[in-house]
Amino acid sequence: MLLNKNINGLKLLSYMYRHIAETWKSMLKTRSQYLKDKAYLWRREPTIHRIDTPSRLDRARALGYKAKQGIIVVRIRVGRGGMRKQRPISGRRPKHLGVVHIKQGISMKLVAQRRVGEKFLNLKVLGSYFLYKDGQYSWFEVILIDPNHPVIIKDKEIRSKLNFN
């Protein structure tokens, strides 16, 4: 009887996370007003902003987030657009100026993870996920873990994700 209740509880959780994921997917696809209002507020926050709970619980849990001490979530804003290069001073054909069509070698998500890792030196990046983008910015949430926190040291599952004994 107890086993049956646990199985039903797990099914209920999987339905809940699936529903959250589908809701976010539909909001991103339809460019919902709710997300536009949230982006309006996020623009006025600092570039790297620590938050209490993740916005997308399904993605955070899939990456290993748990609501416990030693795990924090950070929202980061990354500027969009192509890379800029200064125009050369000496003369040459416009075709060979090499100013436009310069692409970035790494994704915006990895840029966000690197910037957060540089800001929080004592924490390790567990993962990140996309939140929203508009014409000027992309927002990501990055999950960080304090490897020296006693709660994290005792948790075998999280230790295995961080690859230390």
Protein backbone atom coordinates (compact mmCIF):
# COMPACT_ATOMS: atom_id res chain seq x y z
CA MET A 1 0.00 0.00 0.00
CA LEU A 2 2.80 2.41 0.91
CA LEU A 3 4.65 1.56 -2.30
CA ASN A 4 1.55 2.40 -4.34
CA LYS A 5 1.27 5.83 -2.67
CA ASN A 6 4.92 6.58 -3.41
CA ILE A 7 4.48 5.62 -7.06
CA ASN A 8 1.41 7.86 -7.34
CA GLY A 9 3.33 10.68 -5.68
CA LEU A 10 6.17 10.33 -8.18
CA LYS A 11 3.69 10.34 -11.06
CA LEU A 12 2.08 13.47 -9.65
CA LEU A 13 5.49 15.18 -9.42
CA SER A 14 6.38 14.21 -12.99
CA TYR A 15 3.04 15.61 -14.22
CA MET A 16 3.67 18.81 -12.28
CA TYR A 17 7.16 19.34 -13.76
CA ARG A 18 5.90 18.47 -17.23
CA HIS A 19 3.09 21.03 -16.83
CA ILE A 20 5.58 23.69 -15.71
CA ALA A 21 7.79 22.94 -18.73
CA GLU A 22 4.87 23.09 -21.17
CA THR A 23 3.66 26.36 -19.64
CA TRP A 24 7.09 27.96 -20.05
CA LYS A 25 7.40 26.65 -23.60
CA SER A 26 4.02 28.09 -24.58
CA MET A 27 4.79 31.43 -22.88
CA LEU A 28 8.10 31.70 -24.78
CA LYS A 29 6.47 30.72 -28.06
CA THR A 30 3.59 33.19 -27.79
CA ARG A 31 5.74 36.00 -26.28
CA SER A 32 3.33 36.29 -23.35
CA GLN A 33 2.66 39.57 -21.60
CA TYR A 34 3.64 37.99 -18.27
CA LEU A 35 7.22 37.41 -19.50
CA LYS A 36 7.40 40.88 -21.01
CA ASP A 37 6.40 42.37 -17.66
CA LYS A 38 8.99 40.22 -15.89
CA ALA A 39 11.68 41.34 -18.37
CA TYR A 40 10.71 44.95 -17.65
CA LEU A 41 11.49 44.32 -13.97
CA TRP A 42 14.64 42.28 -14.70
CA ARG A 43 16.08 45.14 -16.78
CA ARG A 44 16.08 47.34 -13.67
CA GLU A 45 17.93 44.75 -11.57
CA PRO A 46 21.72 44.46 -11.43
CA THR A 47 23.36 42.38 -14.16
CA ILE A 48 24.09 39.52 -11.76
CA HIS A 49 21.30 39.20 -9.20
CA ARG A 50 20.91 36.50 -6.54
CA ILE A 51 17.35 35.21 -6.21
CA ASP A 52 15.65 33.10 -3.54
CA THR A 53 13.92 30.51 -5.73
CA PRO A 54 14.34 29.52 -9.37
CA SER A 55 11.88 30.87 -11.92
CA ARG A 56 11.76 27.58 -13.84
CA LEU A 57 11.56 24.90 -11.17
CA ASP A 58 11.44 22.06 -13.72
CA ARG A 59 14.75 23.03 -15.36
CA ALA A 60 16.40 23.77 -12.01
CA ARG A 61 15.42 20.39 -10.58
CA ALA A 62 16.60 18.63 -13.74
CA LEU A 63 20.01 20.27 -13.30
CA GLY A 64 20.24 19.20 -9.66
CA TYR A 65 18.73 22.10 -7.69
CA LYS A 66 17.49 21.33 -4.18
CA ALA A 67 16.01 23.82 -1.74
CA LYS A 68 18.74 23.50 0.86
CA GLN A 69 21.58 25.50 2.32
CA GLY A 70 24.67 25.76 0.19
CA ILE A 71 22.77 25.98 -3.12
CA ILE A 72 21.99 29.39 -4.57
CA VAL A 73 20.37 30.60 -7.78
CA VAL A 74 21.58 33.67 -9.69
CA ARG A 75 19.85 35.47 -12.56
CA ILE A 76 22.24 36.99 -15.08
CA ARG A 77 21.64 39.37 -17.96
CA VAL A 78 23.89 39.01 -21.01
CA GLY A 79 23.94 41.57 -23.82
CA ARG A 80 22.91 40.38 -27.26
CA GLY A 81 24.22 41.32 -30.67
CA GLY A 82 27.24 40.69 -32.84
CA MET A 83 30.81 41.30 -31.81
CA ARG A 84 32.18 44.72 -32.68
CA LYS A 85 35.59 45.38 -34.17
CA GLN A 86 37.27 48.74 -34.67
CA ARG A 87 37.56 49.91 -38.24
CA PRO A 88 41.14 49.86 -39.55
CA ILE A 89 42.78 53.24 -40.08
CA SER A 90 44.86 52.38 -43.14
CA GLY A 91 43.12 52.14 -46.51
CA ARG A 92 41.82 48.95 -48.07
CA ARG A 93 38.85 47.63 -49.99
CA PRO A 94 35.60 47.86 -48.01
CA LYS A 95 35.13 44.13 -48.56
CA HIS A 96 38.36 43.40 -46.66
CA LEU A 97 37.82 45.71 -43.68
CA GLY A 98 36.86 42.71 -41.52
CA VAL A 99 34.48 44.67 -39.33
CA VAL A 100 31.10 42.98 -39.84
CA HIS A 101 30.05 39.31 -39.72
CA ILE A 102 32.32 38.53 -36.78
CA LYS A 103 30.81 35.70 -34.76
CA GLN A 104 31.36 34.60 -31.21
CA GLY A 105 32.93 31.18 -30.67
CA ILE A 106 30.95 30.23 -27.54
CA SER A 107 27.27 30.38 -26.65
CA MET A 108 25.62 33.08 -24.55
CA LYS A 109 24.84 30.44 -21.93
CA LEU A 110 28.52 29.64 -21.46
CA VAL A 111 29.31 33.36 -21.30
CA ALA A 112 26.72 33.70 -18.52
CA GLN A 113 28.16 30.74 -16.60
CA ARG A 114 31.71 32.11 -16.92
CA ARG A 115 30.70 35.58 -15.69
CA VAL A 116 28.84 34.20 -12.69
CA GLY A 117 31.78 31.90 -11.90
CA GLU A 118 34.12 34.92 -11.94
CA LYS A 119 31.83 36.85 -9.60
CA PHE A 120 31.27 34.03 -7.05
CA LEU A 121 34.78 32.59 -6.72
CA ASN A 122 34.08 30.25 -3.79
CA LEU A 123 31.08 28.56 -5.49
CA LYS A 124 30.96 25.99 -8.28
CA VAL A 125 28.58 26.26 -11.23
CA LEU A 126 26.22 23.29 -11.35
CA GLY A 127 24.33 24.35 -14.47
CA SER A 128 22.25 27.04 -16.11
CA TYR A 129 19.14 27.44 -18.23
CA PHE A 130 17.58 30.02 -20.53
CA LEU A 131 14.86 32.33 -19.24
CA TYR A 132 13.99 35.00 -21.79
CA LYS A 133 15.46 37.24 -24.47
CA ASP A 134 14.43 40.52 -26.01
CA GLY A 135 16.13 42.75 -28.57
CA GLN A 136 18.90 43.85 -26.22
CA TYR A 137 19.45 41.17 -23.54
CA SER A 138 19.24 37.45 -22.82
CA TRP A 139 18.54 36.24 -19.28
CA PHE A 140 19.78 32.99 -17.76
CA GLU A 141 19.56 31.48 -14.32
CA VAL A 142 22.70 29.80 -13.00
CA ILE A 143 22.69 27.28 -10.14
CA LEU A 144 25.72 27.50 -7.84
CA ILE A 145 26.91 25.18 -5.08
CA ASP A 146 29.15 25.90 -2.12
CA PRO A 147 31.39 22.79 -1.97
CA ASN A 148 32.61 23.63 1.54
CA HIS A 149 29.16 23.92 3.14
CA PRO A 150 28.48 21.14 5.71
CA VAL A 151 25.07 20.31 4.21
CA ILE A 152 26.60 19.87 0.74
CA ILE A 153 29.48 17.78 2.09
CA LYS A 154 26.97 15.35 3.63
CA ASP A 155 24.82 15.06 0.46
CA LYS A 156 26.24 12.19 -1.63
CA GLU A 157 24.08 12.93 -4.67
CA ILE A 158 25.32 16.51 -5.02
CA ARG A 159 28.92 15.50 -4.27
CA SER A 160 28.79 13.02 -7.14
CA LYS A 161 27.63 15.80 -9.49
CA LEU A 162 30.53 17.99 -8.42
CA ASN A 163 33.00 15.09 -8.86
CA PHE A 164 34.73 15.26 -5.53
CA ASN A 165 34.84 12.75 -2.65
